[in-house]
Every structure is written in C-alpha cells, then in structure tokens.
Amino acid sequence: MHLGLDQPVYGLRPQGIDGKQPLLLRVEDMAAKYLREMQTIQPQGPYFVGGYSFGGIVAYEIAQQIRSQGQEIALLAMLDTCRPGYERRLSFKRRILLHINNIFRRGHKYIAHKAKGWYKQFHYNTKQVCNHYFPTGSHVILPEDKKYLEISNAHKQALNTYVFRPYAGKLTLFRTRDENRTEAIGLEYDSHFGWGEIVMGDLDIKYIPGSHLSLLNEPNVRVLAKQVKICLEKAQNVTYTANGS
C-alpha cells in the first residue's frame, strides 16, 4: 500500500511450508524454484528482486542465476540481511557496562524491556528443547511452531553450505543500526554487513528505523517503503533510458 497502488509486489513462499512437499535444503535450489515461478509472470528482464533476512541471501542467488541467463537485474535489494560471520560480541565486561549505562539512562523501563526480552528467549529455547525430546504428541509445541522450527533448520542448513560468489552488479542494502537491530546487548556488525567484499558494483546502504523484527511494522515500514519507492523509481528511470524508451 505504501509503495502505491500501481506498484505490484509478488511474494514467494518456501516450498514445503504447506507440508505437501519436502523443504529445500540448498540456497541454489530455492533460488532456481523461485526464478522459475517469477518467469511464469515475467519471462524477460529487467527484474526487480528483494528479500528480507535470510530471504535476502536467496534473492542474491536469484540475481546470480538471472545474470547467468544473460538477463538484466534492475534492482537487487536486501532488507537487513547480514552475511554470516560479520558480527561480533563485545566482551562480558563491556556488555555489563552497557547494561549499567542503559539502566541509568532509562531506569525501570529498560529493566522491564530486558526482562520481557529474556522471557521471550527463554520461552523460545524451551520450545526448541521440547520439540527435540518430544517430537510428537506433545501439548507444548503447537503445529505451527513445529513447522516454523523445521523451516528455520532447513534455512540454517542451506546457509551453512552456500558459497557466496562475487556479484558484478549493484546491491541496495536497507539495514537497521547496531543498537536497534537485536535485543542482545553488545553486538557489533560490519558496516556493510559483509557485502562489501563480494559486491563488485555499487553498494548502496540505507539506514532504516526499527529492529530486525520490527522494521516491517508501523511506523517503521512507512519509512522503509518510502525509501524503497525512491530506489524503484530511480532504477526504472535508468532502465527506460538505457532501453531508449
């Protein structure tokens, strides 16, 4: 809606989410399947491709496969997608100092916020343990939780085996700031989220409000959509000019 009524957006669901087909375990296979689906709607480029979180890595591989077909990528966009290994945790001492500083600045609101986050993490970890030891017949794990865990594990396996090849085109990265990205204290990220080492074309980084989990919620999504719309219009103008339209 925020992109405008004349800007269609197509979302692609992971294979196996409905339980009727097996989950894909390779990024390359996911990208190939999504690209086939895309080309049933649009057989020829230029293509506008984007992905959020792990989906950004699949979008990256889709772009690689599109270029290998000799087709054009007008826009490759990622929403808060960081390559594995491009974050580091500060020392325990520095994390404690950050907690103390935040308590002095925000008081009981910060303590309540962290307690809520720790409870959510404890609840998530408990569900994972129960799912491991009680895979069937457990009243603790709901079916949708189990399916989410299965998809998450499939994505982790795919990510562990994926080889990031250099990309000759341009990449636009919409990223949140380190202090907002996660509930964890003391995580620092590479400023380019690791993409600067393998993107051979321009790497355009745009900072957006919210955290990794809240950037698609109001009011953050409104700001994100505004920036995406600008990028789409710019890419479309470049494409039309290049084609002589």
C-alpha atoms as a PDB file:
ATOM      1  CA  MET A   1       0.000   0.000   0.000  1.00  0.00           C
ATOM      2  CA  HIS A   2       2.785   2.432   0.921  1.00  0.00           C
ATOM      3  CA  LEU A   3       4.526   1.746  -2.408  1.00  0.00           C
ATOM      4  CA  GLY A   4       1.480   2.950  -4.339  1.00  0.00           C
ATOM      5  CA  LEU A   5      -1.431   1.200  -5.997  1.00  0.00           C
ATOM      6  CA  ASP A   6       0.403   0.938  -9.336  1.00  0.00           C
ATOM      7  CA  GLN A   7       3.383  -0.967  -7.868  1.00  0.00           C
ATOM      8  CA  PRO A   8       2.654  -4.714  -7.711  1.00  0.00           C
ATOM      9  CA  VAL A   9       4.765  -6.844  -5.378  1.00  0.00           C
ATOM     10  CA  TYR A  10       4.909 -10.647  -5.582  1.00  0.00           C
ATOM     11  CA  GLY A  11       5.846 -12.710  -2.527  1.00  0.00           C
ATOM     12  CA  LEU A  12       7.231 -16.245  -2.790  1.00  0.00           C
ATOM     13  CA  ARG A  13       6.521 -18.904  -0.153  1.00  0.00           C
ATOM     14  CA  PRO A  14       9.098 -21.572   0.801  1.00  0.00           C
ATOM     15  CA  GLN A  15       8.453 -24.973  -0.718  1.00  0.00           C
ATOM     16  CA  GLY A  16       7.171 -27.356   1.927  1.00  0.00           C
ATOM     17  CA  ILE A  17       5.532 -24.756   4.140  1.00  0.00           C
ATOM     18  CA  ASP A  18       2.199 -26.448   3.431  1.00  0.00           C
ATOM     19  CA  GLY A  19       3.596 -29.882   4.339  1.00  0.00           C
ATOM     20  CA  LYS A  20       2.806 -31.304   0.894  1.00  0.00           C
ATOM     21  CA  GLN A  21       6.362 -31.144  -0.494  1.00  0.00           C
ATOM     22  CA  PRO A  22       9.793 -31.582   1.080  1.00  0.00           C
ATOM     23  CA  LEU A  23      11.643 -28.495   2.261  1.00  0.00           C
ATOM     24  CA  LEU A  24      14.511 -27.379   0.039  1.00  0.00           C
ATOM     25  CA  LEU A  25      17.924 -27.571   1.712  1.00  0.00           C
ATOM     26  CA  ARG A  26      20.102 -25.602  -0.718  1.00  0.00           C
ATOM     27  CA  VAL A  27      20.001 -21.876  -1.444  1.00  0.00           C
ATOM     28  CA  GLU A  28      20.678 -22.620  -5.109  1.00  0.00           C
ATOM     29  CA  ASP A  29      17.619 -24.890  -5.333  1.00  0.00           C
ATOM     30  CA  MET A  30      15.410 -22.334  -3.594  1.00  0.00           C
ATOM     31  CA  ALA A  31      16.576 -19.602  -5.964  1.00  0.00           C
ATOM     32  CA  ALA A  32      16.048 -21.769  -9.043  1.00  0.00           C
ATOM     33  CA  LYS A  33      12.496 -22.627  -7.980  1.00  0.00           C
ATOM     34  CA  TYR A  34      11.595 -19.011  -7.227  1.00  0.00           C
ATOM     35  CA  LEU A  35      13.115 -17.840 -10.502  1.00  0.00           C
ATOM     36  CA  ARG A  36      11.001 -20.340 -12.456  1.00  0.00           C
ATOM     37  CA  GLU A  37       7.916 -19.006 -10.671  1.00  0.00           C
ATOM     38  CA  MET A  38       8.929 -15.411 -11.400  1.00  0.00           C
ATOM     39  CA  GLN A  39       9.393 -16.153 -15.075  1.00  0.00           C
ATOM     40  CA  THR A  40       5.880 -17.558 -15.398  1.00  0.00           C
ATOM     41  CA  ILE A  41       4.746 -13.966 -14.738  1.00  0.00           C
ATOM     42  CA  GLN A  42       7.648 -12.137 -16.399  1.00  0.00           C
ATOM     43  CA  PRO A  43       9.704 -14.245 -18.830  1.00  0.00           C
ATOM     44  CA  GLN A  44      12.207 -11.474 -19.607  1.00  0.00           C
ATOM     45  CA  GLY A  45      14.027  -8.827 -17.573  1.00  0.00           C
ATOM     46  CA  PRO A  46      14.700  -6.331 -16.292  1.00  0.00           C
ATOM     47  CA  TYR A  47      13.924  -7.821 -12.881  1.00  0.00           C
ATOM     48  CA  PHE A  48      13.418  -6.135  -9.512  1.00  0.00           C
ATOM     49  CA  VAL A  49      14.337  -8.602  -6.760  1.00  0.00           C
ATOM     50  CA  GLY A  50      14.473  -8.239  -2.993  1.00  0.00           C
ATOM     51  CA  GLY A  51      14.465 -10.280   0.187  1.00  0.00           C
ATOM     52  CA  TYR A  52      14.228  -9.858   3.939  1.00  0.00           C
ATOM     53  CA  SER A  53      16.696 -11.501   6.353  1.00  0.00           C
ATOM     54  CA  PHE A  54      17.533 -14.997   5.012  1.00  0.00           C
ATOM     55  CA  GLY A  55      15.375 -14.147   2.003  1.00  0.00           C
ATOM     56  CA  GLY A  56      17.968 -11.562   1.026  1.00  0.00           C
ATOM     57  CA  ILE A  57      20.527 -14.316   0.540  1.00  0.00           C
ATOM     58  CA  VAL A  58      18.083 -16.237  -1.660  1.00  0.00           C
ATOM     59  CA  ALA A  59      17.481 -13.008  -3.615  1.00  0.00           C
ATOM     60  CA  TYR A  60      21.253 -12.674  -4.047  1.00  0.00           C
ATOM     61  CA  GLU A  61      21.426 -16.147  -5.600  1.00  0.00           C
ATOM     62  CA  ILE A  62      18.366 -15.405  -7.774  1.00  0.00           C
ATOM     63  CA  ALA A  63      20.216 -12.366  -9.112  1.00  0.00           C
ATOM     64  CA  GLN A  64      23.266 -14.522  -9.835  1.00  0.00           C
ATOM     65  CA  GLN A  65      21.151 -17.005 -11.774  1.00  0.00           C
ATOM     66  CA  ILE A  66      19.351 -14.238 -13.682  1.00  0.00           C
ATOM     67  CA  ARG A  67      22.675 -12.757 -14.763  1.00  0.00           C
ATOM     68  CA  SER A  68      23.927 -16.190 -15.801  1.00  0.00           C
ATOM     69  CA  GLN A  69      20.935 -16.332 -18.176  1.00  0.00           C
ATOM     70  CA  GLY A  70      22.065 -13.076 -19.765  1.00  0.00           C
ATOM     71  CA  GLN A  71      19.106 -11.228 -18.273  1.00  0.00           C
ATOM     72  CA  GLU A  72      19.116  -7.829 -16.576  1.00  0.00           C
ATOM     73  CA  ILE A  73      18.702  -7.052 -12.882  1.00  0.00           C
ATOM     74  CA  ALA A  74      17.357  -3.524 -12.482  1.00  0.00           C
ATOM     75  CA  LEU A  75      17.291  -3.670  -8.678  1.00  0.00           C
ATOM     76  CA  LEU A  76      18.631  -6.111  -6.097  1.00  0.00           C
ATOM     77  CA  ALA A  77      17.521  -5.065  -2.626  1.00  0.00           C
ATOM     78  CA  MET A  78      18.087  -6.617   0.783  1.00  0.00           C
ATOM     79  CA  LEU A  79      16.213  -5.863   3.979  1.00  0.00           C
ATOM     80  CA  ASP A  80      18.542  -6.207   6.963  1.00  0.00           C
ATOM     81  CA  THR A  81      20.408  -9.200   5.533  1.00  0.00           C
ATOM     82  CA  CYS A  82      23.818  -9.795   7.073  1.00  0.00           C
ATOM     83  CA  ARG A  83      26.272 -12.383   5.781  1.00  0.00           C
ATOM     84  CA  PRO A  84      27.192 -14.994   8.424  1.00  0.00           C
ATOM     85  CA  GLY A  85      30.288 -14.185  10.443  1.00  0.00           C
ATOM     86  CA  TYR A  86      30.147 -10.406  10.070  1.00  0.00           C
ATOM     87  CA  GLU A  87      29.067  -9.631  13.597  1.00  0.00           C
ATOM     88  CA  ARG A  88      30.994  -9.846  16.865  1.00  0.00           C
ATOM     89  CA  ARG A  89      30.051  -9.864  20.536  1.00  0.00           C
ATOM     90  CA  LEU A  90      31.723  -7.409  22.876  1.00  0.00           C
ATOM     91  CA  SER A  91      33.447  -8.732  25.989  1.00  0.00           C
ATOM     92  CA  PHE A  92      31.344  -9.579  29.058  1.00  0.00           C
ATOM     93  CA  LYS A  93      32.803  -6.587  30.913  1.00  0.00           C
ATOM     94  CA  ARG A  94      31.837  -4.144  28.157  1.00  0.00           C
ATOM     95  CA  ARG A  95      28.338  -5.628  27.947  1.00  0.00           C
ATOM     96  CA  ILE A  96      27.844  -5.157  31.703  1.00  0.00           C
ATOM     97  CA  LEU A  97      28.919  -1.515  31.364  1.00  0.00           C
ATOM     98  CA  LEU A  98      26.395  -1.049  28.579  1.00  0.00           C
ATOM     99  CA  HIS A  99      23.638  -2.519  30.759  1.00  0.00           C
ATOM    100  CA  ILE A 100      24.566  -0.202  33.650  1.00  0.00           C
ATOM    101  CA  ASN A 101      24.633   2.821  31.361  1.00  0.00           C
ATOM    102  CA  ASN A 102      21.218   1.949  29.930  1.00  0.00           C
ATOM    103  CA  ILE A 103      19.763   1.484  33.425  1.00  0.00           C
ATOM    104  CA  PHE A 104      20.984   4.952  34.432  1.00  0.00           C
ATOM    105  CA  ARG A 105      19.554   6.490  31.254  1.00  0.00           C
ATOM    106  CA  ARG A 106      16.219   4.648  31.043  1.00  0.00           C
ATOM    107  CA  GLY A 107      15.625   3.315  34.539  1.00  0.00           C
ATOM    108  CA  HIS A 108      12.881   0.778  35.214  1.00  0.00           C
ATOM    109  CA  LYS A 109      11.657   0.932  31.605  1.00  0.00           C
ATOM    110  CA  TYR A 110      14.935  -0.588  30.428  1.00  0.00           C
ATOM    111  CA  ILE A 111      14.798  -3.313  33.107  1.00  0.00           C
ATOM    112  CA  ALA A 112      11.199  -4.180  32.159  1.00  0.00           C
ATOM    113  CA  HIS A 113      12.101  -4.227  28.471  1.00  0.00           C
ATOM    114  CA  LYS A 114      15.066  -6.565  29.002  1.00  0.00           C
ATOM    115  CA  ALA A 115      13.045  -8.844  31.286  1.00  0.00           C
ATOM    116  CA  LYS A 116      10.400  -9.178  28.581  1.00  0.00           C
ATOM    117  CA  GLY A 117      13.067  -9.991  26.002  1.00  0.00           C
ATOM    118  CA  TRP A 118      14.711 -12.587  28.245  1.00  0.00           C
ATOM    119  CA  TYR A 119      11.323 -14.208  28.871  1.00  0.00           C
ATOM    120  CA  LYS A 120      10.683 -14.473  25.111  1.00  0.00           C
ATOM    121  CA  GLN A 121      14.111 -16.016  24.585  1.00  0.00           C
ATOM    122  CA  PHE A 122      13.575 -18.477  27.449  1.00  0.00           C
ATOM    123  CA  HIS A 123      10.167 -19.415  26.016  1.00  0.00           C
ATOM    124  CA  TYR A 124      11.680 -19.946  22.548  1.00  0.00           C
ATOM    125  CA  ASN A 125      14.543 -22.065  23.908  1.00  0.00           C
ATOM    126  CA  THR A 126      12.092 -24.138  25.963  1.00  0.00           C
ATOM    127  CA  LYS A 127      10.013 -24.859  22.868  1.00  0.00           C
ATOM    128  CA  GLN A 128      13.117 -25.985  20.985  1.00  0.00           C
ATOM    129  CA  VAL A 129      14.111 -28.369  23.773  1.00  0.00           C
ATOM    130  CA  CYS A 130      10.589 -29.794  23.998  1.00  0.00           C
ATOM    131  CA  ASN A 131      10.461 -30.206  20.236  1.00  0.00           C
ATOM    132  CA  HIS A 132      13.718 -32.161  20.362  1.00  0.00           C
ATOM    133  CA  TYR A 133      12.757 -34.527  23.190  1.00  0.00           C
ATOM    134  CA  PHE A 134       9.012 -34.731  22.480  1.00  0.00           C
ATOM    135  CA  PRO A 135       8.717 -34.581  18.667  1.00  0.00           C
ATOM    136  CA  THR A 136       5.183 -35.976  18.621  1.00  0.00           C
ATOM    137  CA  GLY A 137       2.207 -36.000  20.929  1.00  0.00           C
ATOM    138  CA  SER A 138       3.387 -33.004  22.947  1.00  0.00           C
ATOM    139  CA  HIS A 139       0.887 -30.392  24.056  1.00  0.00           C
ATOM    140  CA  VAL A 140       3.718 -27.872  24.482  1.00  0.00           C
ATOM    141  CA  ILE A 141       4.618 -27.436  20.807  1.00  0.00           C
ATOM    142  CA  LEU A 142       1.897 -26.204  18.510  1.00  0.00           C
ATOM    143  CA  PRO A 143       1.885 -27.477  14.897  1.00  0.00           C
ATOM    144  CA  GLU A 144       2.715 -24.026  13.530  1.00  0.00           C
ATOM    145  CA  ASP A 145       5.665 -23.748  15.952  1.00  0.00           C
ATOM    146  CA  LYS A 146       6.995 -27.116  14.792  1.00  0.00           C
ATOM    147  CA  LYS A 147       6.682 -26.131  11.134  1.00  0.00           C
ATOM    148  CA  TYR A 148       8.457 -22.837  11.847  1.00  0.00           C
ATOM    149  CA  LEU A 149      11.329 -24.701  13.508  1.00  0.00           C
ATOM    150  CA  GLU A 150      11.571 -27.125  10.596  1.00  0.00           C
ATOM    151  CA  ILE A 151      11.771 -24.259   8.102  1.00  0.00           C
ATOM    152  CA  SER A 152      14.284 -22.411  10.282  1.00  0.00           C
ATOM    153  CA  ASN A 153      16.515 -25.505  10.493  1.00  0.00           C
ATOM    154  CA  ALA A 154      16.276 -26.019   6.724  1.00  0.00           C
ATOM    155  CA  HIS A 155      17.359 -22.432   6.170  1.00  0.00           C
ATOM    156  CA  LYS A 156      20.285 -22.846   8.566  1.00  0.00           C
ATOM    157  CA  GLN A 157      21.419 -25.966   6.734  1.00  0.00           C
ATOM    158  CA  ALA A 158      21.130 -24.189   3.377  1.00  0.00           C
ATOM    159  CA  LEU A 159      23.082 -21.214   4.686  1.00  0.00           C
ATOM    160  CA  ASN A 160      25.868 -23.400   6.071  1.00  0.00           C
ATOM    161  CA  THR A 161      26.533 -24.946   2.653  1.00  0.00           C
ATOM    162  CA  TYR A 162      26.055 -21.862   0.477  1.00  0.00           C
ATOM    163  CA  VAL A 163      29.135 -20.436  -1.259  1.00  0.00           C
ATOM    164  CA  PHE A 164      28.915 -16.682  -1.800  1.00  0.00           C
ATOM    165  CA  ARG A 165      30.185 -15.836  -5.277  1.00  0.00           C
ATOM    166  CA  PRO A 166      31.197 -12.282  -6.269  1.00  0.00           C
ATOM    167  CA  TYR A 167      28.334 -10.285  -7.764  1.00  0.00           C
ATOM    168  CA  ALA A 168      29.111  -7.938 -10.649  1.00  0.00           C
ATOM    169  CA  GLY A 169      26.008  -5.787 -10.296  1.00  0.00           C
ATOM    170  CA  LYS A 170      24.715  -3.211  -7.830  1.00  0.00           C
ATOM    171  CA  LEU A 171      23.186  -4.072  -4.461  1.00  0.00           C
ATOM    172  CA  THR A 172      20.989  -1.870  -2.283  1.00  0.00           C
ATOM    173  CA  LEU A 173      21.049  -2.760   1.410  1.00  0.00           C
ATOM    174  CA  PHE A 174      18.435  -1.422   3.799  1.00  0.00           C
ATOM    175  CA  ARG A 175      19.815  -2.016   7.271  1.00  0.00           C
ATOM    176  CA  THR A 176      18.946  -1.174  10.860  1.00  0.00           C
ATOM    177  CA  ARG A 177      21.516   0.287  13.210  1.00  0.00           C
ATOM    178  CA  ASP A 178      23.574  -1.927  15.509  1.00  0.00           C
ATOM    179  CA  GLU A 179      21.987  -0.643  18.709  1.00  0.00           C
ATOM    180  CA  ASN A 180      18.484  -1.336  17.362  1.00  0.00           C
ATOM    181  CA  ARG A 181      18.952  -4.500  15.325  1.00  0.00           C
ATOM    182  CA  THR A 182      18.579  -7.093  18.066  1.00  0.00           C
ATOM    183  CA  GLU A 183      17.570  -7.411  21.709  1.00  0.00           C
ATOM    184  CA  ALA A 184      21.075  -8.629  22.550  1.00  0.00           C
ATOM    185  CA  ILE A 185      23.460  -6.111  24.086  1.00  0.00           C
ATOM    186  CA  GLY A 186      26.981  -5.621  22.768  1.00  0.00           C
ATOM    187  CA  LEU A 187      26.683  -6.926  19.203  1.00  0.00           C
ATOM    188  CA  GLU A 188      28.633  -5.021  16.569  1.00  0.00           C
ATOM    189  CA  TYR A 189      28.208  -5.575  12.833  1.00  0.00           C
ATOM    190  CA  ASP A 190      30.368  -4.894   9.835  1.00  0.00           C
ATOM    191  CA  SER A 191      29.114  -1.596   8.376  1.00  0.00           C
ATOM    192  CA  HIS A 192      28.466  -3.308   5.018  1.00  0.00           C
ATOM    193  CA  PHE A 193      27.059  -6.483   6.616  1.00  0.00           C
ATOM    194  CA  GLY A 194      29.818  -8.352   4.753  1.00  0.00           C
ATOM    195  CA  TRP A 195      28.562  -7.474   1.263  1.00  0.00           C
ATOM    196  CA  GLY A 196      31.348  -5.006   0.553  1.00  0.00           C
ATOM    197  CA  GLU A 197      33.792  -7.864  -0.009  1.00  0.00           C
ATOM    198  CA  ILE A 198      31.833  -9.601  -2.788  1.00  0.00           C
ATOM    199  CA  VAL A 199      29.702  -6.927  -4.496  1.00  0.00           C
ATOM    200  CA  MET A 200      31.774  -5.661  -7.406  1.00  0.00           C
ATOM    201  CA  GLY A 201      29.288  -2.979  -8.458  1.00  0.00           C
ATOM    202  CA  ASP A 202      27.939  -0.149  -6.304  1.00  0.00           C
ATOM    203  CA  LEU A 203      26.865  -0.991  -2.763  1.00  0.00           C
ATOM    204  CA  ASP A 204      24.188   1.457  -1.682  1.00  0.00           C
ATOM    205  CA  ILE A 205      23.479   1.326   2.070  1.00  0.00           C
ATOM    206  CA  LYS A 206      20.426   2.988   3.522  1.00  0.00           C
ATOM    207  CA  TYR A 207      19.706   3.054   7.259  1.00  0.00           C
ATOM    208  CA  ILE A 208      16.131   2.430   8.325  1.00  0.00           C
ATOM    209  CA  PRO A 209      14.363   2.730  11.697  1.00  0.00           C
ATOM    210  CA  GLY A 210      13.361  -0.155  13.928  1.00  0.00           C
ATOM    211  CA  SER A 211      14.906  -3.504  14.752  1.00  0.00           C
ATOM    212  CA  HIS A 212      15.377  -6.620  12.650  1.00  0.00           C
ATOM    213  CA  LEU A 213      11.958  -7.836  13.834  1.00  0.00           C
ATOM    214  CA  SER A 214      10.067  -4.527  13.788  1.00  0.00           C
ATOM    215  CA  LEU A 215      11.216  -2.873  10.559  1.00  0.00           C
ATOM    216  CA  LEU A 216       8.154  -4.228   8.725  1.00  0.00           C
ATOM    217  CA  ASN A 217       5.753  -2.907  11.382  1.00  0.00           C
ATOM    218  CA  GLU A 218       4.201   0.554  11.585  1.00  0.00           C
ATOM    219  CA  PRO A 219       5.510   3.203  11.680  1.00  0.00           C
ATOM    220  CA  ASN A 220       8.900   1.816  10.542  1.00  0.00           C
ATOM    221  CA  VAL A 221       7.528   0.154   7.414  1.00  0.00           C
ATOM    222  CA  ARG A 222       6.234   3.505   6.190  1.00  0.00           C
ATOM    223  CA  VAL A 223       9.775   4.932   6.185  1.00  0.00           C
ATOM    224  CA  LEU A 224      11.159   1.776   4.589  1.00  0.00           C
ATOM    225  CA  ALA A 225       8.522   1.833   1.833  1.00  0.00           C
ATOM    226  CA  LYS A 226       9.309   5.469   1.054  1.00  0.00           C
ATOM    227  CA  GLN A 227      12.999   4.650   0.532  1.00  0.00           C
ATOM    228  CA  VAL A 228      12.204   1.518  -1.489  1.00  0.00           C
ATOM    229  CA  LYS A 229       9.862   3.525  -3.697  1.00  0.00           C
ATOM    230  CA  ILE A 230      12.613   6.048  -4.424  1.00  0.00           C
ATOM    231  CA  CYS A 231      15.007   3.226  -5.360  1.00  0.00           C
ATOM    232  CA  LEU A 232      12.398   1.594  -7.615  1.00  0.00           C
ATOM    233  CA  GLU A 233      11.670   4.838  -9.438  1.00  0.00           C
ATOM    234  CA  LYS A 234      15.371   5.536  -9.927  1.00  0.00           C
ATOM    235  CA  ALA A 235      16.024   2.007 -11.218  1.00  0.00           C
ATOM    236  CA  GLN A 236      13.027   2.208 -13.556  1.00  0.00           C
ATOM    237  CA  ASN A 237      14.201   5.554 -14.963  1.00  0.00           C
ATOM    238  CA  VAL A 238      17.687   4.174 -15.588  1.00  0.00           C
ATOM    239  CA  THR A 239      16.233   1.092 -17.295  1.00  0.00           C
ATOM    240  CA  TYR A 240      13.892   3.093 -19.537  1.00  0.00           C
ATOM    241  CA  THR A 241      16.703   5.471 -20.503  1.00  0.00           C
ATOM    242  CA  ALA A 242      19.051   2.597 -21.306  1.00  0.00           C
ATOM    243  CA  ASN A 243      16.384   0.980 -23.493  1.00  0.00           C
ATOM    244  CA  GLY A 244      15.717   4.221 -25.294  1.00  0.00           C
ATOM    245  CA  SER A 245      12.140   4.493 -24.017  1.00  0.00           C
END
